[in-house]
Each structure stands twice: as structure tokens, then as C-alpha cells.
Amino acid sequence: MEEAPVSGELPPEQQERLDALLAEIRDIRPLPAIAARVLSMSEGEQFSAQHLAELIRVDQALSVRLLRLANSPVYGMPRRVTTLRDAVVLLGFRELRSLAVASCVVDASIVTKPDFDYPAFWKNSFAVASFAAALAELLDCEKDEAFMAGVVHNVGRLAWAQFRPSWLQLAVGVARRSGQNLHEVQRELFGFSDAETGGFIARQWQFPEALCEAVSTHDGPRSGDDPAGMRLATVVRRAARFAHAHRITDGMDPDSRAGVEQDWSHPRVRNALQAAGGVAGILKRADEFVTASGLVVPAA
């Protein structure tokens, strides 16, 4: 893959174009304060299931959404989950924490474009996040951080839909006609892709720097990047490619049957995918996440 340029290497006209876009994005809705607090919590002696439940309970809408997820068929709970503490115990501290932050990201990322397919976008993001979590350990990354990087990896695309819809429409059209990757088309047309935009947003939301670096660079390899961010970007890039190979897309990138890395046949990765219910199980959870987030009205 051709190495993607970093923003500091852009020609003046393209740099000016990027700077103008980023100036508008500074006004994007901030991530709820609860998200940063939940993200900073680590499982262990310092934080218990009760601590996490008490923190989430402050946000009533988030609490309702997470309980709805916990009671969805994909988790197969033996009894109805009625309290957040039970949800933490039954789903696991790390699972509920990841779902909580992901839900906050969705809330902060909603833009008002009727022609944008939000369900497809977030289903793809959740699936990529789940695949990234399965691959993380093999590439020496934290599972939770890989999941969150997957959730926000294409958030810059939402900013293009909101602030530069004509750019996105043009790039999507060219990508569909040519069969090229959308990020490649964006770089050819504008000198940068929505990945740089997403990294800027991730920093606005005060995510860890390695995660921000991964979002900025997951569209293509860079030179001189932070090693932790590079590893995380590789995880997300391979997870997105794996999703595409299974026809899981956001509806904007051309459907790709490109080959996937041998990593996915590694026993540890296969076991992690199996523990998550396989591709089918991950897709079911993605559907439930999209529905619980209010992006799809549940069937009567």
C-alpha cells in the first residue's frame, strides 16, 4: 500500500483546505464527561462492579440503553437484568465499560444528514471494533483500546458528511466507479482522507494518544509514527479489511473481497472470535447495539 502523507507534508493549498475543515470541527459536540471517567476506570482493586454501575447510573439515558443491551437475545442471560450492577457482573466489567463509551461516542457523533446511513455506519464500526478486539493480543495491543479504536476509526467520515458533504459524495462516487478504497480516492482528490479528520476529533475527545494516532493513520502506513499507535492502527486496518471480506461495510467503501492476513487463522485469534460468537454473533451484537442506540426503531 502506498504510504499516506501526514498533514504536515501537504502542499500549501491542500493544507489550507484541511486547516479550514479542522477549524469547523472544533465546534463538534464534546464527548460526555462520563465517557472519559468510564474510560479511565480499570478493573481491579480500585474499581468494582458497583463503582462502574454507580458512575453509569448518573446518566439515565445511558443506563436504559445498556440495560436494553444486556437483556438482548445475543447475550442469552438466564434471567432478566434489572440493575446496572447485575449487568456489570453478568456481562463483565470490560464489556460493559466498552459498550458505555461506545454509546457515548454515538451520542456525540450524530449529525443531521437524512441521506446518511447511520445504522450501516455504526454496524460496521461496531463489527470492526469487535474484530479488532479479537486480533489485539496477537499484535501486542490492549483489547479494550483496540475495541474503542475500532468504534471511532471512521468518525472523521461523519465530519465530512456534516461539514463537507460534497467532498464525501464526490469521493464515494469515484470509489464506486473505480473500485478503489475510499481513503485512497480522498487522498488523490484532496491530499488527505477522513482518517486525519477522525484523529483530530479523537484528540478533541481526549482519547489516549495511541488511539488517536491509530485513528489518524489506519487508512495507510506512515513513517515515524508512535510505535503503540502504529500497532493499534495495524489492528484496526486488518479488522476493517476482515469486515470488508465478509461484506460488512458502511455503504460508502466499495465492497471488497480482497485477501485478509494470515493472522485470522492463528489459533488465539480463532479462539477469540469463537468466544465472541464468530462473525455471525458479532453481527448480531452490532445489530443490537445499533437498535439500542436509537438508530433503528425496533420491530413491533
C-alpha atoms as a PDB file:
ATOM      1  CA  MET A   1       0.000   0.000   0.000  1.00  0.00           C
ATOM      2  CA  GLU A   2       1.270   3.437  -0.847  1.00  0.00           C
ATOM      3  CA  GLU A   3       2.387   5.370   2.187  1.00  0.00           C
ATOM      4  CA  ALA A   4      -0.094   8.096   3.086  1.00  0.00           C
ATOM      5  CA  PRO A   5       1.196  11.625   3.657  1.00  0.00           C
ATOM      6  CA  VAL A   6       0.861  13.228   7.044  1.00  0.00           C
ATOM      7  CA  SER A   7      -0.859  16.599   7.194  1.00  0.00           C
ATOM      8  CA  GLY A   8       2.393  18.500   7.723  1.00  0.00           C
ATOM      9  CA  GLU A   9       3.672  17.275   4.332  1.00  0.00           C
ATOM     10  CA  LEU A  10       0.710  18.591   2.325  1.00  0.00           C
ATOM     11  CA  PRO A  11       1.144  21.245  -0.367  1.00  0.00           C
ATOM     12  CA  PRO A  12       0.016  24.704   0.848  1.00  0.00           C
ATOM     13  CA  GLU A  13      -3.360  24.645  -0.931  1.00  0.00           C
ATOM     14  CA  GLN A  14      -4.275  21.231   0.445  1.00  0.00           C
ATOM     15  CA  GLN A  15      -3.005  22.132   3.917  1.00  0.00           C
ATOM     16  CA  GLU A  16      -5.195  25.246   3.856  1.00  0.00           C
ATOM     17  CA  ARG A  17      -8.170  23.096   2.865  1.00  0.00           C
ATOM     18  CA  LEU A  18      -7.517  20.691   5.746  1.00  0.00           C
ATOM     19  CA  ASP A  19      -6.993  23.503   8.261  1.00  0.00           C
ATOM     20  CA  ALA A  20     -10.298  25.117   7.248  1.00  0.00           C
ATOM     21  CA  LEU A  21     -12.141  21.842   7.817  1.00  0.00           C
ATOM     22  CA  LEU A  22     -10.494  21.256  11.195  1.00  0.00           C
ATOM     23  CA  ALA A  23     -11.390  24.798  12.268  1.00  0.00           C
ATOM     24  CA  GLU A  24     -15.072  23.988  11.737  1.00  0.00           C
ATOM     25  CA  ILE A  25     -14.779  20.650  13.505  1.00  0.00           C
ATOM     26  CA  ARG A  26     -13.565  22.379  16.683  1.00  0.00           C
ATOM     27  CA  ASP A  27     -17.226  23.137  17.368  1.00  0.00           C
ATOM     28  CA  ILE A  28     -18.256  19.471  17.245  1.00  0.00           C
ATOM     29  CA  ARG A  29     -20.208  18.215  20.220  1.00  0.00           C
ATOM     30  CA  PRO A  30     -17.841  17.183  23.045  1.00  0.00           C
ATOM     31  CA  LEU A  31     -17.823  13.654  24.358  1.00  0.00           C
ATOM     32  CA  PRO A  32     -19.906  13.451  27.561  1.00  0.00           C
ATOM     33  CA  ALA A  33     -17.784  13.797  30.685  1.00  0.00           C
ATOM     34  CA  ILE A  34     -18.990  10.407  31.872  1.00  0.00           C
ATOM     35  CA  ALA A  35     -17.251   8.756  28.905  1.00  0.00           C
ATOM     36  CA  ALA A  36     -13.801   9.969  29.964  1.00  0.00           C
ATOM     37  CA  ARG A  37     -14.437   8.874  33.540  1.00  0.00           C
ATOM     38  CA  VAL A  38     -15.615   5.417  32.482  1.00  0.00           C
ATOM     39  CA  LEU A  39     -12.700   5.040  30.054  1.00  0.00           C
ATOM     40  CA  SER A  40     -10.211   5.844  32.813  1.00  0.00           C
ATOM     41  CA  MET A  41     -11.551   3.081  35.042  1.00  0.00           C
ATOM     42  CA  SER A  42      -9.585  -0.153  35.104  1.00  0.00           C
ATOM     43  CA  GLU A  43     -10.803  -3.434  36.511  1.00  0.00           C
ATOM     44  CA  GLY A  44      -9.131  -4.386  39.755  1.00  0.00           C
ATOM     45  CA  GLU A  45      -8.944  -3.465  43.385  1.00  0.00           C
ATOM     46  CA  GLN A  46      -9.519   0.244  42.790  1.00  0.00           C
ATOM     47  CA  PHE A  47     -12.778  -0.131  40.839  1.00  0.00           C
ATOM     48  CA  SER A  48     -15.518  -2.691  41.372  1.00  0.00           C
ATOM     49  CA  ALA A  49     -18.715  -3.561  39.523  1.00  0.00           C
ATOM     50  CA  GLN A  50     -20.539  -1.314  41.983  1.00  0.00           C
ATOM     51  CA  HIS A  51     -18.235   1.643  41.200  1.00  0.00           C
ATOM     52  CA  LEU A  52     -18.896   1.331  37.472  1.00  0.00           C
ATOM     53  CA  ALA A  53     -22.641   0.898  37.994  1.00  0.00           C
ATOM     54  CA  GLU A  54     -22.828   3.979  40.216  1.00  0.00           C
ATOM     55  CA  LEU A  55     -20.995   6.088  37.657  1.00  0.00           C
ATOM     56  CA  ILE A  56     -23.174   4.993  34.721  1.00  0.00           C
ATOM     57  CA  ARG A  57     -26.371   5.411  36.756  1.00  0.00           C
ATOM     58  CA  VAL A  58     -25.838   9.194  36.722  1.00  0.00           C
ATOM     59  CA  ASP A  59     -26.767   9.188  33.012  1.00  0.00           C
ATOM     60  CA  GLN A  60     -30.323   7.859  32.832  1.00  0.00           C
ATOM     61  CA  ALA A  61     -30.440   7.527  29.037  1.00  0.00           C
ATOM     62  CA  LEU A  62     -27.148   5.619  29.012  1.00  0.00           C
ATOM     63  CA  SER A  63     -28.360   3.373  31.823  1.00  0.00           C
ATOM     64  CA  VAL A  64     -31.547   2.462  29.947  1.00  0.00           C
ATOM     65  CA  ARG A  65     -29.589   1.766  26.759  1.00  0.00           C
ATOM     66  CA  LEU A  66     -27.094  -0.525  28.485  1.00  0.00           C
ATOM     67  CA  LEU A  67     -29.814  -2.465  30.294  1.00  0.00           C
ATOM     68  CA  ARG A  68     -31.601  -2.907  26.974  1.00  0.00           C
ATOM     69  CA  LEU A  69     -28.389  -4.291  25.503  1.00  0.00           C
ATOM     70  CA  ALA A  70     -27.808  -6.589  28.464  1.00  0.00           C
ATOM     71  CA  ASN A  71     -31.292  -8.054  28.012  1.00  0.00           C
ATOM     72  CA  SER A  72     -30.980  -8.526  24.255  1.00  0.00           C
ATOM     73  CA  PRO A  73     -31.112 -12.129  22.979  1.00  0.00           C
ATOM     74  CA  VAL A  74     -27.488 -12.108  21.794  1.00  0.00           C
ATOM     75  CA  TYR A  75     -26.171 -12.176  25.363  1.00  0.00           C
ATOM     76  CA  GLY A  76     -28.504 -15.022  26.347  1.00  0.00           C
ATOM     77  CA  MET A  77     -28.842 -14.057  30.001  1.00  0.00           C
ATOM     78  CA  PRO A  78     -30.510 -16.737  32.158  1.00  0.00           C
ATOM     79  CA  ARG A  79     -32.717 -14.116  33.794  1.00  0.00           C
ATOM     80  CA  ARG A  80     -33.793 -10.556  33.182  1.00  0.00           C
ATOM     81  CA  VAL A  81     -31.133  -7.996  34.107  1.00  0.00           C
ATOM     82  CA  THR A  82     -32.768  -5.216  36.118  1.00  0.00           C
ATOM     83  CA  THR A  83     -29.811  -3.358  37.661  1.00  0.00           C
ATOM     84  CA  LEU A  84     -26.591  -1.948  36.266  1.00  0.00           C
ATOM     85  CA  ARG A  85     -24.598  -3.815  38.891  1.00  0.00           C
ATOM     86  CA  ASP A  86     -26.065  -7.095  37.651  1.00  0.00           C
ATOM     87  CA  ALA A  87     -25.257  -6.022  34.088  1.00  0.00           C
ATOM     88  CA  VAL A  88     -21.610  -5.447  35.037  1.00  0.00           C
ATOM     89  CA  VAL A  89     -21.412  -8.791  36.845  1.00  0.00           C
ATOM     90  CA  LEU A  90     -23.116 -10.781  34.079  1.00  0.00           C
ATOM     91  CA  LEU A  91     -21.570  -9.079  31.034  1.00  0.00           C
ATOM     92  CA  GLY A  92     -18.220  -8.360  32.621  1.00  0.00           C
ATOM     93  CA  PHE A  93     -16.588  -5.119  33.713  1.00  0.00           C
ATOM     94  CA  ARG A  94     -14.641  -4.597  30.498  1.00  0.00           C
ATOM     95  CA  GLU A  95     -17.539  -5.460  28.177  1.00  0.00           C
ATOM     96  CA  LEU A  96     -19.949  -3.022  29.824  1.00  0.00           C
ATOM     97  CA  ARG A  97     -17.312  -0.307  30.071  1.00  0.00           C
ATOM     98  CA  SER A  98     -16.602  -0.606  26.329  1.00  0.00           C
ATOM     99  CA  LEU A  99     -20.319  -0.544  25.486  1.00  0.00           C
ATOM    100  CA  ALA A 100     -20.815   2.520  27.684  1.00  0.00           C
ATOM    101  CA  VAL A 101     -18.057   4.528  25.995  1.00  0.00           C
ATOM    102  CA  ALA A 102     -19.191   3.371  22.546  1.00  0.00           C
ATOM    103  CA  SER A 103     -22.723   4.568  23.317  1.00  0.00           C
ATOM    104  CA  CYS A 104     -21.378   7.977  24.358  1.00  0.00           C
ATOM    105  CA  VAL A 105     -19.429   8.198  21.091  1.00  0.00           C
ATOM    106  CA  VAL A 106     -22.612   7.539  19.105  1.00  0.00           C
ATOM    107  CA  ASP A 107     -24.459  10.259  21.028  1.00  0.00           C
ATOM    108  CA  ALA A 108     -21.713  12.793  20.390  1.00  0.00           C
ATOM    109  CA  SER A 109     -21.388  11.882  16.706  1.00  0.00           C
ATOM    110  CA  ILE A 110     -24.962  12.224  15.463  1.00  0.00           C
ATOM    111  CA  VAL A 111     -25.142  14.625  12.533  1.00  0.00           C
ATOM    112  CA  THR A 112     -28.256  15.801  10.768  1.00  0.00           C
ATOM    113  CA  LYS A 113     -27.968  14.392   7.269  1.00  0.00           C
ATOM    114  CA  PRO A 114     -31.086  12.496   6.145  1.00  0.00           C
ATOM    115  CA  ASP A 115     -29.249  10.737   3.310  1.00  0.00           C
ATOM    116  CA  PHE A 116     -26.547   9.317   5.602  1.00  0.00           C
ATOM    117  CA  ASP A 117     -26.990   5.643   6.525  1.00  0.00           C
ATOM    118  CA  TYR A 118     -26.263   5.785  10.268  1.00  0.00           C
ATOM    119  CA  PRO A 119     -27.290   2.182  11.029  1.00  0.00           C
ATOM    120  CA  ALA A 120     -24.911   0.806   8.380  1.00  0.00           C
ATOM    121  CA  PHE A 121     -22.130   3.137   9.540  1.00  0.00           C
ATOM    122  CA  TRP A 122     -22.357   2.136  13.202  1.00  0.00           C
ATOM    123  CA  LYS A 123     -22.945  -1.545  12.483  1.00  0.00           C
ATOM    124  CA  ASN A 124     -19.709  -1.521  10.503  1.00  0.00           C
ATOM    125  CA  SER A 125     -17.878   0.415  13.235  1.00  0.00           C
ATOM    126  CA  PHE A 126     -19.056  -1.966  15.967  1.00  0.00           C
ATOM    127  CA  ALA A 127     -18.127  -5.020  13.902  1.00  0.00           C
ATOM    128  CA  VAL A 128     -14.650  -3.630  13.133  1.00  0.00           C
ATOM    129  CA  ALA A 129     -14.249  -2.871  16.850  1.00  0.00           C
ATOM    130  CA  SER A 130     -15.140  -6.451  17.768  1.00  0.00           C
ATOM    131  CA  PHE A 131     -12.774  -7.899  15.167  1.00  0.00           C
ATOM    132  CA  ALA A 132     -10.022  -5.546  16.370  1.00  0.00           C
ATOM    133  CA  ALA A 133     -10.517  -6.742  19.947  1.00  0.00           C
ATOM    134  CA  ALA A 134     -10.151 -10.353  18.781  1.00  0.00           C
ATOM    135  CA  LEU A 135      -6.892  -9.560  16.970  1.00  0.00           C
ATOM    136  CA  ALA A 136      -5.401  -7.194  19.561  1.00  0.00           C
ATOM    137  CA  GLU A 137      -3.497  -9.609  21.780  1.00  0.00           C
ATOM    138  CA  LEU A 138      -1.684 -11.216  18.854  1.00  0.00           C
ATOM    139  CA  LEU A 139      -0.282  -7.813  17.832  1.00  0.00           C
ATOM    140  CA  ASP A 140       0.595  -6.759  21.393  1.00  0.00           C
ATOM    141  CA  CYS A 141      -2.281  -4.303  21.862  1.00  0.00           C
ATOM    142  CA  GLU A 142      -4.769  -3.856  24.672  1.00  0.00           C
ATOM    143  CA  LYS A 143      -8.110  -5.456  23.820  1.00  0.00           C
ATOM    144  CA  ASP A 144     -10.182  -2.572  25.224  1.00  0.00           C
ATOM    145  CA  GLU A 145      -8.171   0.071  23.402  1.00  0.00           C
ATOM    146  CA  ALA A 146      -8.428  -1.885  20.147  1.00  0.00           C
ATOM    147  CA  PHE A 147     -12.198  -2.090  20.554  1.00  0.00           C
ATOM    148  CA  MET A 148     -12.520   1.661  21.105  1.00  0.00           C
ATOM    149  CA  ALA A 149     -10.192   2.420  18.185  1.00  0.00           C
ATOM    150  CA  GLY A 150     -12.482   0.306  16.025  1.00  0.00           C
ATOM    151  CA  VAL A 151     -15.565   2.152  17.239  1.00  0.00           C
ATOM    152  CA  VAL A 152     -14.161   5.577  16.337  1.00  0.00           C
ATOM    153  CA  HIS A 153     -11.925   4.593  13.399  1.00  0.00           C
ATOM    154  CA  ASN A 154     -14.205   6.203  10.803  1.00  0.00           C
ATOM    155  CA  VAL A 155     -15.653   9.012  12.898  1.00  0.00           C
ATOM    156  CA  GLY A 156     -13.937  11.520  10.602  1.00  0.00           C
ATOM    157  CA  ARG A 157     -16.280  10.344   7.859  1.00  0.00           C
ATOM    158  CA  LEU A 158     -19.182  11.699   9.900  1.00  0.00           C
ATOM    159  CA  ALA A 159     -17.458  15.085   9.992  1.00  0.00           C
ATOM    160  CA  TRP A 160     -17.132  15.046   6.209  1.00  0.00           C
ATOM    161  CA  ALA A 161     -20.840  14.199   5.945  1.00  0.00           C
ATOM    162  CA  GLN A 162     -21.683  17.155   8.180  1.00  0.00           C
ATOM    163  CA  PHE A 163     -19.186  19.802   7.064  1.00  0.00           C
ATOM    164  CA  ARG A 164     -18.073  18.716   3.570  1.00  0.00           C
ATOM    165  CA  PRO A 165     -20.904  16.596   2.121  1.00  0.00           C
ATOM    166  CA  SER A 166     -19.956  17.473  -1.464  1.00  0.00           C
ATOM    167  CA  TRP A 167     -16.416  16.173  -0.884  1.00  0.00           C
ATOM    168  CA  LEU A 168     -17.715  12.914   0.531  1.00  0.00           C
ATOM    169  CA  GLN A 169     -20.263  12.485  -2.241  1.00  0.00           C
ATOM    170  CA  LEU A 170     -17.620  13.078  -4.903  1.00  0.00           C
ATOM    171  CA  ALA A 171     -15.125  10.671  -3.314  1.00  0.00           C
ATOM    172  CA  VAL A 172     -17.737   7.943  -2.786  1.00  0.00           C
ATOM    173  CA  GLY A 173     -18.819   8.242  -6.426  1.00  0.00           C
ATOM    174  CA  VAL A 174     -15.265   7.917  -7.711  1.00  0.00           C
ATOM    175  CA  ALA A 175     -14.551   4.986  -5.368  1.00  0.00           C
ATOM    176  CA  ARG A 176     -17.630   3.105  -6.529  1.00  0.00           C
ATOM    177  CA  ARG A 177     -16.865   3.637 -10.200  1.00  0.00           C
ATOM    178  CA  SER A 178     -13.180   2.770  -9.905  1.00  0.00           C
ATOM    179  CA  GLY A 179     -13.343   0.100  -7.201  1.00  0.00           C
ATOM    180  CA  GLN A 180     -10.655   1.951  -5.236  1.00  0.00           C
ATOM    181  CA  ASN A 181     -10.556   2.230  -1.479  1.00  0.00           C
ATOM    182  CA  LEU A 182     -12.376   5.394  -0.379  1.00  0.00           C
ATOM    183  CA  HIS A 183      -9.392   6.678   1.612  1.00  0.00           C
ATOM    184  CA  GLU A 184      -7.162   6.353  -1.450  1.00  0.00           C
ATOM    185  CA  VAL A 185      -9.649   8.342  -3.526  1.00  0.00           C
ATOM    186  CA  GLN A 186      -9.892  11.047  -0.865  1.00  0.00           C
ATOM    187  CA  ARG A 187      -6.114  11.444  -0.793  1.00  0.00           C
ATOM    188  CA  GLU A 188      -5.979  11.651  -4.592  1.00  0.00           C
ATOM    189  CA  LEU A 189      -8.718  14.295  -4.714  1.00  0.00           C
ATOM    190  CA  PHE A 190      -7.931  16.388  -1.637  1.00  0.00           C
ATOM    191  CA  GLY A 191      -4.483  15.362  -0.385  1.00  0.00           C
ATOM    192  CA  PHE A 192      -5.796  13.804   2.836  1.00  0.00           C
ATOM    193  CA  SER A 193      -8.518  11.412   3.931  1.00  0.00           C
ATOM    194  CA  ASP A 194     -11.192  11.406   6.601  1.00  0.00           C
ATOM    195  CA  ALA A 195      -8.757   9.448   8.800  1.00  0.00           C
ATOM    196  CA  GLU A 196      -6.801  12.613   9.663  1.00  0.00           C
ATOM    197  CA  THR A 197     -10.108  14.284  10.458  1.00  0.00           C
ATOM    198  CA  GLY A 198     -11.041  11.401  12.746  1.00  0.00           C
ATOM    199  CA  GLY A 199      -7.748  11.605  14.605  1.00  0.00           C
ATOM    200  CA  PHE A 200      -8.370  15.295  15.238  1.00  0.00           C
ATOM    201  CA  ILE A 201     -11.812  14.503  16.669  1.00  0.00           C
ATOM    202  CA  ALA A 202     -10.405  11.718  18.858  1.00  0.00           C
ATOM    203  CA  ARG A 203      -7.941  14.226  20.329  1.00  0.00           C
ATOM    204  CA  GLN A 204     -10.768  16.708  20.861  1.00  0.00           C
ATOM    205  CA  TRP A 205     -12.469  13.970  22.860  1.00  0.00           C
ATOM    206  CA  GLN A 206      -9.267  13.357  24.842  1.00  0.00           C
ATOM    207  CA  PHE A 207      -8.805   9.702  23.978  1.00  0.00           C
ATOM    208  CA  PRO A 208      -5.361   8.171  24.695  1.00  0.00           C
ATOM    209  CA  GLU A 209      -2.720   9.317  22.220  1.00  0.00           C
ATOM    210  CA  ALA A 210      -2.045   5.837  20.821  1.00  0.00           C
ATOM    211  CA  LEU A 211      -5.736   5.519  19.973  1.00  0.00           C
ATOM    212  CA  CYS A 212      -5.776   8.967  18.332  1.00  0.00           C
ATOM    213  CA  GLU A 213      -2.705   8.037  16.309  1.00  0.00           C
ATOM    214  CA  ALA A 214      -4.366   4.793  15.232  1.00  0.00           C
ATOM    215  CA  VAL A 215      -7.476   6.618  14.032  1.00  0.00           C
ATOM    216  CA  SER A 216      -5.352   9.149  12.127  1.00  0.00           C
ATOM    217  CA  THR A 217      -3.255   6.523  10.381  1.00  0.00           C
ATOM    218  CA  HIS A 218      -5.449   3.447   9.959  1.00  0.00           C
ATOM    219  CA  ASP A 219      -6.037   4.390   6.296  1.00  0.00           C
ATOM    220  CA  GLY A 220      -2.445   3.613   5.359  1.00  0.00           C
ATOM    221  CA  PRO A 221       1.029   3.088   6.833  1.00  0.00           C
ATOM    222  CA  ARG A 222       3.083   6.101   7.868  1.00  0.00           C
ATOM    223  CA  SER A 223       6.727   6.549   8.744  1.00  0.00           C
ATOM    224  CA  GLY A 224       7.903   7.910  12.075  1.00  0.00           C
ATOM    225  CA  ASP A 225       4.680   7.348  13.981  1.00  0.00           C
ATOM    226  CA  ASP A 226       4.411   6.325  17.618  1.00  0.00           C
ATOM    227  CA  PRO A 227       5.030   2.527  17.825  1.00  0.00           C
ATOM    228  CA  ALA A 228       1.982   1.881  20.023  1.00  0.00           C
ATOM    229  CA  GLY A 229      -0.199   3.908  17.679  1.00  0.00           C
ATOM    230  CA  MET A 230       1.233   2.100  14.660  1.00  0.00           C
ATOM    231  CA  ARG A 231       0.449  -1.309  16.165  1.00  0.00           C
ATOM    232  CA  LEU A 232      -3.075  -0.217  17.008  1.00  0.00           C
ATOM    233  CA  ALA A 233      -3.551   1.235  13.511  1.00  0.00           C
ATOM    234  CA  THR A 234      -2.447  -2.100  12.040  1.00  0.00           C
ATOM    235  CA  VAL A 235      -5.022  -3.913  14.171  1.00  0.00           C
ATOM    236  CA  VAL A 236      -7.813  -1.586  13.028  1.00  0.00           C
ATOM    237  CA  ARG A 237      -6.716  -1.701   9.382  1.00  0.00           C
ATOM    238  CA  ARG A 238      -6.707  -5.502   9.368  1.00  0.00           C
ATOM    239  CA  ALA A 239     -10.008  -5.647  11.248  1.00  0.00           C
ATOM    240  CA  ALA A 240     -11.621  -3.336   8.686  1.00  0.00           C
ATOM    241  CA  ARG A 241     -10.247  -5.463   5.854  1.00  0.00           C
ATOM    242  CA  PHE A 242     -11.602  -8.597   7.533  1.00  0.00           C
ATOM    243  CA  ALA A 243     -15.018  -6.932   7.846  1.00  0.00           C
ATOM    244  CA  HIS A 244     -14.961  -5.992   4.159  1.00  0.00           C
ATOM    245  CA  ALA A 245     -14.066  -9.549   3.220  1.00  0.00           C
ATOM    246  CA  HIS A 246     -17.313 -10.576   4.941  1.00  0.00           C
ATOM    247  CA  ARG A 247     -19.289  -7.847   3.122  1.00  0.00           C
ATOM    248  CA  ILE A 248     -19.600  -5.705   6.249  1.00  0.00           C
ATOM    249  CA  THR A 249     -19.244  -2.088   5.112  1.00  0.00           C
ATOM    250  CA  ASP A 250     -20.671   1.318   5.900  1.00  0.00           C
ATOM    251  CA  GLY A 251     -22.153   1.540   2.417  1.00  0.00           C
ATOM    252  CA  MET A 252     -19.565   4.052   1.208  1.00  0.00           C
ATOM    253  CA  ASP A 253     -16.474   1.951   0.566  1.00  0.00           C
ATOM    254  CA  PRO A 254     -16.783  -0.412  -2.414  1.00  0.00           C
ATOM    255  CA  ASP A 255     -17.466  -3.978  -1.332  1.00  0.00           C
ATOM    256  CA  SER A 256     -14.113  -5.722  -1.276  1.00  0.00           C
ATOM    257  CA  ARG A 257     -13.201  -9.383  -1.420  1.00  0.00           C
ATOM    258  CA  ALA A 258      -9.512  -8.599  -1.006  1.00  0.00           C
ATOM    259  CA  GLY A 259      -7.493 -11.209   0.803  1.00  0.00           C
ATOM    260  CA  VAL A 260      -7.051 -10.976   4.549  1.00  0.00           C
ATOM    261  CA  GLU A 261      -3.913 -11.508   6.593  1.00  0.00           C
ATOM    262  CA  GLN A 262      -2.870 -14.915   7.914  1.00  0.00           C
ATOM    263  CA  ASP A 263      -3.350 -13.542  11.437  1.00  0.00           C
ATOM    264  CA  TRP A 264      -7.013 -14.532  11.301  1.00  0.00           C
ATOM    265  CA  SER A 265      -6.113 -18.223  11.084  1.00  0.00           C
ATOM    266  CA  HIS A 266      -3.940 -18.066  14.212  1.00  0.00           C
ATOM    267  CA  PRO A 267      -5.418 -20.291  16.967  1.00  0.00           C
ATOM    268  CA  ARG A 268      -5.534 -17.440  19.503  1.00  0.00           C
ATOM    269  CA  VAL A 269      -7.445 -15.218  17.102  1.00  0.00           C
ATOM    270  CA  ARG A 270      -9.774 -18.034  16.062  1.00  0.00           C
ATOM    271  CA  ASN A 271     -10.491 -18.745  19.723  1.00  0.00           C
ATOM    272  CA  ALA A 272     -11.175 -15.071  20.429  1.00  0.00           C
ATOM    273  CA  LEU A 273     -13.591 -14.888  17.501  1.00  0.00           C
ATOM    274  CA  GLN A 274     -15.288 -18.080  18.613  1.00  0.00           C
ATOM    275  CA  ALA A 275     -15.673 -16.704  22.147  1.00  0.00           C
ATOM    276  CA  ALA A 276     -17.419 -13.673  20.625  1.00  0.00           C
ATOM    277  CA  GLY A 277     -19.843 -15.910  18.744  1.00  0.00           C
ATOM    278  CA  GLY A 278     -17.995 -15.851  15.457  1.00  0.00           C
ATOM    279  CA  VAL A 279     -18.752 -13.418  12.657  1.00  0.00           C
ATOM    280  CA  ALA A 280     -22.485 -14.155  12.924  1.00  0.00           C
ATOM    281  CA  GLY A 281     -22.520 -13.495  16.669  1.00  0.00           C
ATOM    282  CA  ILE A 282     -20.608 -10.245  16.288  1.00  0.00           C
ATOM    283  CA  LEU A 283     -23.056  -9.072  13.623  1.00  0.00           C
ATOM    284  CA  LYS A 284     -25.997  -9.852  15.906  1.00  0.00           C
ATOM    285  CA  ARG A 285     -24.412  -7.822  18.700  1.00  0.00           C
ATOM    286  CA  ALA A 286     -23.749  -4.998  16.243  1.00  0.00           C
ATOM    287  CA  ASP A 287     -27.424  -5.002  15.255  1.00  0.00           C
ATOM    288  CA  GLU A 288     -28.489  -4.905  18.907  1.00  0.00           C
ATOM    289  CA  PHE A 289     -26.065  -2.063  19.610  1.00  0.00           C
ATOM    290  CA  VAL A 290     -27.454  -0.028  16.704  1.00  0.00           C
ATOM    291  CA  THR A 291     -31.036  -0.656  17.842  1.00  0.00           C
ATOM    292  CA  ALA A 292     -30.309   0.144  21.495  1.00  0.00           C
ATOM    293  CA  SER A 293     -28.597   3.367  20.421  1.00  0.00           C
ATOM    294  CA  GLY A 294     -31.873   4.559  18.922  1.00  0.00           C
ATOM    295  CA  LEU A 295     -30.575   4.472  15.361  1.00  0.00           C
ATOM    296  CA  VAL A 296     -33.167   1.868  14.361  1.00  0.00           C
ATOM    297  CA  VAL A 297     -36.712   1.591  15.666  1.00  0.00           C
ATOM    298  CA  PRO A 298     -37.221  -1.972  16.940  1.00  0.00           C
ATOM    299  CA  ALA A 299     -39.817  -4.044  15.100  1.00  0.00           C
ATOM    300  CA  ALA A 300     -43.197  -4.212  16.851  1.00  0.00           C
END
